[in-house]
């Protein structure tokens, strides 16, 4: 009996070590993109259907604008990337105060205006936006983020050409 209990405990420990870098079942991110009034608004919705809290980096999940190329955007139907042209901010490694907590069975939603952050083509075009979010299950292990399943959305945006500066 002692051998079987020790064997089960050893298998459980190996499973936990393996699962450490794998996303927890029940944590997912949905992406919605709205193009209206000349703006492109990306809404990230993270659902935590687990029994423990998770933590999301505020720079992505609690900010109204981007400070780096967080999204991969391509012209739909081609491999042509849409370049990031927004601000890039160098930061110190994040600390516990740089995360927003999502309670067990909770949902967190954030909308970011990316209109001026990417070099959208003039005129009306279809785009595909993708993003791989991440979270940390424990604020004591901030250097071990867990990637979520990549999400994507297709949207149409009409970019009005800006007059050239003189």
N, C-alpha and C. Protein backbone atom coordinates (compact mmCIF):
# COMPACT_ATOMS: atom_id res chain seq x y z
N UNK A 1 0.82 -1.19 0.00
CA UNK A 1 0.00 0.00 0.00
C UNK A 1 0.87 1.26 0.00
N UNK A 2 1.97 1.23 0.81
CA UNK A 2 2.84 2.39 0.87
C UNK A 2 3.45 2.69 -0.49
N UNK A 3 3.82 1.64 -1.24
CA UNK A 3 4.42 1.83 -2.56
C UNK A 3 3.43 2.48 -3.51
N UNK A 4 2.18 2.05 -3.49
CA UNK A 4 1.20 2.60 -4.43
C UNK A 4 0.89 4.06 -4.09
N UNK A 5 0.82 4.41 -2.82
CA UNK A 5 0.59 5.81 -2.44
C UNK A 5 1.77 6.66 -2.87
N UNK A 6 2.99 6.17 -2.63
CA UNK A 6 4.19 6.91 -3.04
C UNK A 6 4.22 7.05 -4.56
N UNK A 7 3.84 6.01 -5.27
CA UNK A 7 3.81 6.06 -6.74
C UNK A 7 2.81 7.08 -7.24
N UNK A 8 1.64 7.10 -6.64
CA UNK A 8 0.61 8.06 -7.04
C UNK A 8 1.08 9.48 -6.76
N UNK A 9 1.68 9.71 -5.60
CA UNK A 9 2.19 11.05 -5.27
C UNK A 9 3.28 11.48 -6.24
N UNK A 10 4.14 10.54 -6.62
CA UNK A 10 5.21 10.87 -7.56
C UNK A 10 4.63 11.23 -8.92
N UNK A 11 3.64 10.49 -9.39
CA UNK A 11 3.00 10.79 -10.67
C UNK A 11 2.30 12.15 -10.61
N UNK A 12 1.65 12.45 -9.49
CA UNK A 12 0.99 13.76 -9.33
C UNK A 12 2.01 14.88 -9.37
N UNK A 13 3.16 14.70 -8.71
CA UNK A 13 4.20 15.73 -8.71
C UNK A 13 4.74 15.95 -10.12
N UNK A 14 4.96 14.88 -10.86
CA UNK A 14 5.42 15.01 -12.24
C UNK A 14 4.38 15.72 -13.09
N UNK A 15 3.11 15.41 -12.88
CA UNK A 15 2.04 16.06 -13.62
C UNK A 15 1.98 17.55 -13.33
N UNK A 16 2.15 17.93 -12.08
CA UNK A 16 2.15 19.35 -11.73
C UNK A 16 3.34 20.06 -12.34
N UNK A 17 4.50 19.43 -12.34
CA UNK A 17 5.68 20.04 -12.96
C UNK A 17 5.45 20.24 -14.44
N UNK A 18 4.84 19.26 -15.10
CA UNK A 18 4.56 19.37 -16.52
C UNK A 18 3.52 20.45 -16.78
N UNK A 19 2.50 20.54 -15.94
CA UNK A 19 1.40 21.50 -16.14
C UNK A 19 1.81 22.92 -15.84
N UNK A 20 2.93 23.12 -15.16
CA UNK A 20 3.35 24.46 -14.76
C UNK A 20 3.42 25.42 -15.95
N UNK A 21 3.92 24.95 -17.08
CA UNK A 21 4.07 25.80 -18.25
C UNK A 21 2.89 25.70 -19.20
N UNK A 22 1.91 24.90 -18.88
CA UNK A 22 0.74 24.72 -19.73
C UNK A 22 -0.40 25.59 -19.21
N UNK A 23 -1.25 26.11 -20.12
CA UNK A 23 -2.38 26.89 -19.66
C UNK A 23 -3.32 26.04 -18.81
N UNK A 24 -3.91 26.68 -17.82
CA UNK A 24 -4.89 25.99 -17.00
C UNK A 24 -6.17 25.85 -17.81
N UNK A 25 -6.79 24.69 -17.75
CA UNK A 25 -8.08 24.54 -18.39
C UNK A 25 -9.04 25.48 -17.70
N UNK A 26 -9.78 26.23 -18.47
CA UNK A 26 -10.74 27.15 -17.88
C UNK A 26 -10.31 28.60 -17.95
N UNK A 27 -9.08 28.88 -18.42
CA UNK A 27 -8.64 30.26 -18.63
C UNK A 27 -8.59 30.48 -20.14
N UNK A 28 -9.38 31.45 -20.62
CA UNK A 28 -9.31 31.74 -22.04
C UNK A 28 -9.54 33.21 -22.31
N UNK A 29 -9.11 33.60 -23.50
CA UNK A 29 -9.22 34.99 -23.93
C UNK A 29 -10.00 35.04 -25.23
N UNK A 30 -10.93 35.96 -25.31
CA UNK A 30 -11.67 36.22 -26.54
C UNK A 30 -11.31 37.61 -27.02
N UNK A 31 -11.21 37.75 -28.34
CA UNK A 31 -10.85 39.02 -28.96
C UNK A 31 -12.01 39.48 -29.82
N UNK A 32 -12.39 40.74 -29.65
CA UNK A 32 -13.39 41.36 -30.52
C UNK A 32 -12.81 42.68 -31.02
N UNK A 33 -13.02 42.97 -32.29
CA UNK A 33 -12.51 44.21 -32.88
C UNK A 33 -13.69 44.96 -33.47
N UNK A 34 -13.78 46.24 -33.14
CA UNK A 34 -14.82 47.11 -33.69
C UNK A 34 -14.15 48.27 -34.41
N UNK A 35 -14.55 48.49 -35.64
CA UNK A 35 -14.06 49.63 -36.40
C UNK A 35 -15.25 50.54 -36.65
N UNK A 36 -15.25 51.67 -35.96
CA UNK A 36 -16.36 52.61 -36.11
C UNK A 36 -15.88 54.02 -35.80
N UNK A 37 -16.45 54.97 -36.48
CA UNK A 37 -16.08 56.36 -36.26
C UNK A 37 -14.61 56.63 -36.53
N UNK A 38 -14.01 55.88 -37.46
CA UNK A 38 -12.60 56.07 -37.78
C UNK A 38 -11.64 55.45 -36.79
N UNK A 39 -12.14 54.74 -35.78
CA UNK A 39 -11.29 54.12 -34.77
C UNK A 39 -11.32 52.60 -34.87
N UNK A 40 -10.23 51.99 -34.41
CA UNK A 40 -10.17 50.54 -34.29
C UNK A 40 -10.03 50.23 -32.81
N UNK A 41 -11.04 49.59 -32.25
CA UNK A 41 -11.07 49.27 -30.83
C UNK A 41 -11.01 47.76 -30.64
N UNK A 42 -10.02 47.31 -29.87
CA UNK A 42 -9.84 45.89 -29.59
C UNK A 42 -10.29 45.63 -28.16
N UNK A 43 -11.21 44.69 -28.00
CA UNK A 43 -11.66 44.31 -26.66
C UNK A 43 -11.15 42.91 -26.35
N UNK A 44 -10.39 42.81 -25.26
CA UNK A 44 -9.87 41.54 -24.77
C UNK A 44 -10.72 41.14 -23.57
N UNK A 45 -11.29 39.94 -23.62
CA UNK A 45 -12.09 39.43 -22.52
C UNK A 45 -11.46 38.13 -22.04
N UNK A 46 -11.01 38.13 -20.80
CA UNK A 46 -10.39 36.95 -20.21
C UNK A 46 -11.35 36.36 -19.19
N UNK A 47 -11.66 35.08 -19.38
CA UNK A 47 -12.53 34.35 -18.46
C UNK A 47 -11.68 33.39 -17.65
N UNK A 48 -11.88 33.42 -16.35
CA UNK A 48 -11.17 32.52 -15.44
C UNK A 48 -12.19 31.58 -14.81
N UNK A 49 -12.38 30.44 -15.43
CA UNK A 49 -13.35 29.46 -14.93
C UNK A 49 -12.65 28.40 -14.08
N UNK A 50 -11.62 28.82 -13.34
CA UNK A 50 -10.90 27.89 -12.47
C UNK A 50 -11.22 28.21 -11.02
N UNK A 51 -10.65 27.43 -10.12
CA UNK A 51 -10.89 27.61 -8.69
C UNK A 51 -9.85 28.51 -8.03
N UNK A 52 -8.91 29.05 -8.82
CA UNK A 52 -7.90 29.94 -8.24
C UNK A 52 -7.83 31.23 -9.03
N UNK A 53 -7.37 32.30 -8.37
CA UNK A 53 -7.22 33.59 -9.03
C UNK A 53 -6.07 33.52 -10.02
N UNK A 54 -6.16 34.38 -11.06
CA UNK A 54 -5.06 34.57 -11.99
C UNK A 54 -4.76 36.06 -12.05
N UNK A 55 -3.62 36.41 -12.62
CA UNK A 55 -3.19 37.80 -12.66
C UNK A 55 -2.79 38.17 -14.08
N UNK A 56 -3.32 39.32 -14.55
CA UNK A 56 -3.06 39.80 -15.91
C UNK A 56 -2.24 41.08 -15.84
N UNK A 57 -1.31 41.21 -16.78
CA UNK A 57 -0.44 42.39 -16.83
C UNK A 57 -1.26 43.63 -17.19
N UNK A 58 -1.24 44.64 -16.34
CA UNK A 58 -2.05 45.84 -16.51
C UNK A 58 -1.74 46.58 -17.81
N UNK A 59 -0.51 46.52 -18.29
CA UNK A 59 -0.13 47.24 -19.51
C UNK A 59 -1.02 46.82 -20.68
N UNK A 60 -1.43 45.57 -20.71
CA UNK A 60 -2.30 45.08 -21.79
C UNK A 60 -3.75 45.05 -21.35
N UNK A 61 -3.99 44.61 -20.15
CA UNK A 61 -5.35 44.31 -19.73
C UNK A 61 -6.02 45.39 -18.89
N UNK A 62 -5.38 46.53 -18.72
CA UNK A 62 -6.02 47.62 -17.97
C UNK A 62 -5.65 48.99 -18.54
N UNK A 63 -5.08 49.03 -19.73
CA UNK A 63 -4.67 50.28 -20.36
C UNK A 63 -5.59 50.57 -21.54
N UNK A 64 -5.71 51.84 -21.89
CA UNK A 64 -6.55 52.23 -23.01
C UNK A 64 -5.76 52.39 -24.30
N UNK A 65 -4.43 52.34 -24.22
CA UNK A 65 -3.60 52.45 -25.41
C UNK A 65 -2.42 51.50 -25.32
N UNK A 66 -1.78 51.27 -26.44
CA UNK A 66 -0.65 50.36 -26.49
C UNK A 66 0.67 51.09 -26.25
N UNK A 67 1.63 50.33 -25.73
CA UNK A 67 2.97 50.85 -25.52
C UNK A 67 4.00 49.91 -26.13
N UNK A 68 3.54 49.11 -27.08
CA UNK A 68 4.40 48.17 -27.78
C UNK A 68 3.54 47.33 -28.73
N UNK A 69 4.17 46.61 -29.65
CA UNK A 69 3.43 45.83 -30.66
C UNK A 69 2.84 44.55 -30.10
N UNK A 70 1.72 44.66 -29.44
CA UNK A 70 1.09 43.51 -28.77
C UNK A 70 0.28 42.62 -29.71
N UNK A 71 -0.16 43.18 -30.83
CA UNK A 71 -1.01 42.44 -31.74
C UNK A 71 -0.29 42.19 -33.06
N UNK A 72 -0.60 41.05 -33.67
CA UNK A 72 -0.10 40.73 -34.99
C UNK A 72 -1.25 41.00 -35.94
N UNK A 73 -1.08 41.97 -36.84
CA UNK A 73 -2.14 42.34 -37.77
C UNK A 73 -1.64 42.17 -39.19
N UNK A 74 -2.47 41.52 -40.00
CA UNK A 74 -2.16 41.31 -41.41
C UNK A 74 -3.37 41.72 -42.25
N UNK A 75 -3.08 42.11 -43.49
CA UNK A 75 -4.16 42.34 -44.43
C UNK A 75 -4.78 40.98 -44.70
N UNK A 76 -6.09 40.86 -44.53
CA UNK A 76 -6.76 39.56 -44.69
C UNK A 76 -6.52 39.01 -46.09
N UNK A 77 -6.22 37.71 -46.15
CA UNK A 77 -5.98 37.06 -47.42
C UNK A 77 -4.57 37.20 -47.94
N UNK A 78 -3.69 37.81 -47.17
CA UNK A 78 -2.29 37.94 -47.58
C UNK A 78 -1.40 37.82 -46.36
N UNK A 79 -0.13 37.80 -46.61
CA UNK A 79 0.84 37.76 -45.51
C UNK A 79 1.37 39.15 -45.19
N UNK A 80 0.80 40.17 -45.84
CA UNK A 80 1.29 41.53 -45.66
C UNK A 80 1.00 42.02 -44.24
N UNK A 81 2.05 42.28 -43.46
CA UNK A 81 1.82 42.75 -42.09
C UNK A 81 1.45 44.23 -42.06
N UNK A 82 0.73 44.59 -41.03
CA UNK A 82 0.45 46.00 -40.76
C UNK A 82 1.44 46.38 -39.66
N UNK A 83 2.32 47.32 -39.95
CA UNK A 83 3.40 47.67 -39.03
C UNK A 83 2.90 48.44 -37.81
N UNK A 84 3.53 48.15 -36.69
CA UNK A 84 3.28 48.89 -35.45
C UNK A 84 4.03 50.21 -35.55
N UNK A 85 3.35 51.34 -35.32
CA UNK A 85 3.97 52.66 -35.40
C UNK A 85 3.75 53.46 -34.12
N UNK A 86 3.20 52.83 -33.11
CA UNK A 86 2.90 53.50 -31.85
C UNK A 86 4.12 53.59 -30.96
N UNK A 87 3.93 54.14 -29.76
CA UNK A 87 5.05 54.28 -28.83
C UNK A 87 5.55 52.93 -28.32
N UNK A 88 6.84 52.89 -28.07
CA UNK A 88 7.45 51.71 -27.45
C UNK A 88 8.08 52.20 -26.16
N UNK A 89 7.64 51.64 -25.06
CA UNK A 89 8.11 52.07 -23.74
C UNK A 89 8.93 50.94 -23.13
N UNK A 90 10.16 51.26 -22.78
CA UNK A 90 10.99 50.28 -22.07
C UNK A 90 10.60 50.34 -20.60
N UNK A 91 10.46 49.18 -20.01
CA UNK A 91 10.00 49.10 -18.63
C UNK A 91 10.92 48.21 -17.81
N UNK A 92 10.91 48.48 -16.53
CA UNK A 92 11.58 47.57 -15.60
C UNK A 92 10.75 46.29 -15.54
N UNK A 93 11.32 45.20 -15.08
CA UNK A 93 10.51 43.98 -14.94
C UNK A 93 9.28 44.27 -14.07
N UNK A 94 8.12 43.73 -14.45
CA UNK A 94 6.91 44.02 -13.70
C UNK A 94 6.95 43.45 -12.29
N UNK A 95 6.31 44.18 -11.38
CA UNK A 95 6.16 43.73 -10.00
C UNK A 95 4.71 43.37 -9.71
N UNK A 96 4.42 42.93 -8.52
CA UNK A 96 3.05 42.53 -8.17
C UNK A 96 2.00 43.62 -8.40
N UNK A 97 2.38 44.90 -8.24
CA UNK A 97 1.42 45.99 -8.45
C UNK A 97 1.10 46.23 -9.93
N UNK A 98 1.82 45.57 -10.82
CA UNK A 98 1.62 45.74 -12.26
C UNK A 98 0.62 44.74 -12.84
N UNK A 99 -0.10 44.03 -11.96
CA UNK A 99 -1.05 43.01 -12.41
C UNK A 99 -2.43 43.28 -11.85
N UNK A 100 -3.43 42.89 -12.62
CA UNK A 100 -4.82 42.98 -12.20
C UNK A 100 -5.28 41.56 -11.90
N UNK A 101 -5.98 41.41 -10.79
CA UNK A 101 -6.43 40.10 -10.33
C UNK A 101 -7.77 39.75 -10.95
N UNK A 102 -7.88 38.51 -11.42
CA UNK A 102 -9.16 37.98 -11.91
C UNK A 102 -9.52 36.83 -10.96
N UNK A 103 -10.59 37.03 -10.24
CA UNK A 103 -11.02 36.05 -9.23
C UNK A 103 -11.44 34.74 -9.89
N UNK A 104 -11.49 33.67 -9.10
CA UNK A 104 -12.01 32.41 -9.63
C UNK A 104 -13.42 32.62 -10.19
N UNK A 105 -13.68 32.03 -11.33
CA UNK A 105 -14.96 32.17 -12.03
C UNK A 105 -15.27 33.61 -12.40
N UNK A 106 -14.23 34.43 -12.52
CA UNK A 106 -14.40 35.84 -12.87
C UNK A 106 -14.08 36.11 -14.33
N UNK A 107 -14.44 37.32 -14.75
CA UNK A 107 -14.19 37.78 -16.11
C UNK A 107 -13.58 39.17 -16.03
N UNK A 108 -12.59 39.42 -16.87
CA UNK A 108 -11.99 40.75 -16.96
C UNK A 108 -12.03 41.18 -18.42
N UNK A 109 -12.46 42.44 -18.65
CA UNK A 109 -12.59 42.96 -20.01
C UNK A 109 -11.87 44.30 -20.10
N UNK A 110 -11.17 44.50 -21.22
CA UNK A 110 -10.49 45.78 -21.46
C UNK A 110 -10.55 46.10 -22.94
N UNK A 111 -10.80 47.38 -23.24
CA UNK A 111 -10.84 47.84 -24.63
C UNK A 111 -9.69 48.81 -24.86
N UNK A 112 -8.95 48.58 -25.95
CA UNK A 112 -7.78 49.38 -26.29
C UNK A 112 -7.99 50.00 -27.67
N UNK A 113 -7.75 51.30 -27.79
CA UNK A 113 -7.80 51.99 -29.08
C UNK A 113 -6.45 51.82 -29.76
N UNK A 114 -6.43 51.09 -30.89
CA UNK A 114 -5.16 50.84 -31.60
C UNK A 114 -5.06 51.64 -32.90
N UNK A 115 -5.97 52.58 -33.11
CA UNK A 115 -6.06 53.32 -34.37
C UNK A 115 -4.74 53.94 -34.78
N UNK A 116 -4.08 54.62 -33.88
CA UNK A 116 -2.84 55.32 -34.21
C UNK A 116 -1.60 54.49 -33.92
N UNK A 117 -1.80 53.27 -33.48
CA UNK A 117 -0.66 52.41 -33.14
C UNK A 117 -0.20 51.54 -34.30
N UNK A 118 -1.06 51.36 -35.31
CA UNK A 118 -0.71 50.54 -36.46
C UNK A 118 -0.91 51.33 -37.74
N UNK A 119 -0.11 51.02 -38.74
CA UNK A 119 -0.10 51.74 -40.02
C UNK A 119 -1.12 51.12 -40.98
N UNK A 120 -2.40 51.36 -40.70
CA UNK A 120 -3.46 50.82 -41.53
C UNK A 120 -3.40 51.45 -42.92
N UNK A 121 -3.70 50.64 -43.93
CA UNK A 121 -3.67 51.11 -45.32
C UNK A 121 -4.79 52.12 -45.56
N UNK A 122 -4.54 53.13 -46.41
CA UNK A 122 -5.61 54.07 -46.75
C UNK A 122 -6.75 53.33 -47.47
N UNK A 123 -7.96 53.74 -47.22
CA UNK A 123 -9.12 53.12 -47.83
C UNK A 123 -9.69 52.01 -46.98
N UNK A 124 -10.59 51.26 -47.59
CA UNK A 124 -11.31 50.19 -46.89
C UNK A 124 -10.60 48.85 -47.14
N UNK A 125 -10.23 48.16 -46.04
CA UNK A 125 -9.55 46.87 -46.14
C UNK A 125 -10.02 45.95 -45.02
N UNK A 126 -9.89 44.64 -45.28
CA UNK A 126 -10.15 43.62 -44.25
C UNK A 126 -8.82 43.23 -43.64
N UNK A 127 -8.83 43.05 -42.33
CA UNK A 127 -7.62 42.71 -41.60
C UNK A 127 -7.88 41.51 -40.70
N UNK A 128 -6.79 40.82 -40.38
CA UNK A 128 -6.86 39.76 -39.38
C UNK A 128 -5.91 40.15 -38.25
N UNK A 129 -6.45 40.19 -37.04
CA UNK A 129 -5.68 40.53 -35.85
C UNK A 129 -5.57 39.27 -34.99
N UNK A 130 -4.37 38.98 -34.51
CA UNK A 130 -4.20 37.86 -33.59
C UNK A 130 -3.40 38.31 -32.38
N UNK A 131 -3.59 37.57 -31.31
CA UNK A 131 -2.95 37.92 -30.03
C UNK A 131 -2.84 36.66 -29.19
N UNK A 132 -1.69 36.52 -28.54
CA UNK A 132 -1.51 35.44 -27.58
C UNK A 132 -1.33 36.09 -26.22
N UNK A 133 -2.35 36.06 -25.42
CA UNK A 133 -2.29 36.64 -24.09
C UNK A 133 -1.59 35.71 -23.12
N UNK A 134 -1.30 36.25 -21.94
CA UNK A 134 -0.69 35.43 -20.90
C UNK A 134 -1.16 35.90 -19.53
N UNK A 135 -0.93 35.06 -18.56
CA UNK A 135 -1.30 35.37 -17.18
C UNK A 135 -0.28 34.70 -16.27
N UNK A 136 -0.29 35.11 -15.02
CA UNK A 136 0.50 34.41 -14.02
C UNK A 136 -0.47 33.87 -12.97
N UNK A 137 -0.29 32.61 -12.60
CA UNK A 137 -1.18 32.04 -11.59
C UNK A 137 -0.77 32.38 -10.17
N UNK A 138 0.42 32.99 -10.01
CA UNK A 138 0.96 33.25 -8.67
C UNK A 138 1.86 34.48 -8.74
N UNK A 139 1.57 35.49 -7.94
CA UNK A 139 2.38 36.72 -7.94
C UNK A 139 3.80 36.51 -7.42
N UNK A 140 4.06 35.35 -6.85
CA UNK A 140 5.41 35.03 -6.39
C UNK A 140 6.28 34.51 -7.54
N UNK A 141 5.67 34.24 -8.69
CA UNK A 141 6.40 33.69 -9.84
C UNK A 141 6.10 34.51 -11.09
N UNK A 142 6.40 35.78 -11.05
CA UNK A 142 6.09 36.68 -12.16
C UNK A 142 6.91 36.39 -13.41
N UNK A 143 8.03 35.72 -13.26
CA UNK A 143 8.87 35.42 -14.42
C UNK A 143 8.41 34.16 -15.15
N UNK A 144 7.32 33.56 -14.71
CA UNK A 144 6.81 32.34 -15.33
C UNK A 144 5.38 32.53 -15.86
N UNK A 145 5.19 33.48 -16.82
CA UNK A 145 3.83 33.65 -17.34
C UNK A 145 3.39 32.42 -18.13
N UNK A 146 2.10 32.21 -18.16
CA UNK A 146 1.51 31.09 -18.88
C UNK A 146 0.77 31.66 -20.08
N UNK A 147 1.10 31.18 -21.27
CA UNK A 147 0.45 31.66 -22.50
C UNK A 147 -0.95 31.07 -22.60
N UNK A 148 -1.88 31.90 -23.07
CA UNK A 148 -3.23 31.44 -23.35
C UNK A 148 -3.29 30.98 -24.80
N UNK A 149 -4.33 30.28 -25.14
CA UNK A 149 -4.53 29.87 -26.53
C UNK A 149 -4.63 31.14 -27.39
N UNK A 150 -3.88 31.19 -28.50
CA UNK A 150 -3.96 32.39 -29.36
C UNK A 150 -5.39 32.63 -29.85
N UNK A 151 -5.75 33.89 -29.91
CA UNK A 151 -7.07 34.28 -30.40
C UNK A 151 -6.92 35.17 -31.61
N UNK A 152 -7.96 35.24 -32.44
CA UNK A 152 -7.91 36.05 -33.65
C UNK A 152 -9.29 36.62 -33.95
N UNK A 153 -9.28 37.69 -34.73
CA UNK A 153 -10.52 38.31 -35.18
C UNK A 153 -10.27 38.93 -36.55
N UNK A 154 -11.28 38.89 -37.39
CA UNK A 154 -11.22 39.53 -38.71
C UNK A 154 -12.14 40.74 -38.64
N UNK A 155 -11.66 41.87 -39.19
CA UNK A 155 -12.47 43.09 -39.18
C UNK A 155 -12.19 43.90 -40.43
N UNK A 156 -13.10 44.82 -40.72
CA UNK A 156 -12.95 45.74 -41.85
C UNK A 156 -12.77 47.13 -41.27
N UNK A 157 -11.81 47.85 -41.83
CA UNK A 157 -11.54 49.21 -41.35
C UNK A 157 -11.31 50.12 -42.55
N UNK A 158 -11.87 51.32 -42.49
CA UNK A 158 -11.64 52.32 -43.51
C UNK A 158 -10.75 53.40 -42.92
N UNK A 159 -9.54 53.50 -43.45
CA UNK A 159 -8.57 54.50 -43.00
C UNK A 159 -8.62 55.67 -43.96
N UNK A 160 -8.94 56.84 -43.44
CA UNK A 160 -8.95 58.04 -44.24
C UNK A 160 -7.52 58.55 -44.32
N UNK A 161 -7.05 58.82 -45.53
CA UNK A 161 -5.67 59.31 -45.72
C UNK A 161 -5.55 60.67 -45.05
N UNK A 162 -4.47 60.83 -44.33
CA UNK A 162 -4.18 62.09 -43.66
C UNK A 162 -3.47 63.03 -44.62
N UNK A 163 -3.80 64.33 -44.62
CA UNK A 163 -3.08 65.25 -45.51
C UNK A 163 -1.62 65.33 -45.11
N UNK A 164 -0.75 65.42 -46.09
CA UNK A 164 0.69 65.50 -45.83
C UNK A 164 1.02 66.81 -45.13
N UNK A 165 1.95 66.73 -44.19
CA UNK A 165 2.37 67.96 -43.49
C UNK A 165 3.24 68.78 -44.41
N UNK A 166 3.08 70.10 -44.32
CA UNK A 166 3.87 70.98 -45.18
C UNK A 166 5.02 71.58 -44.43
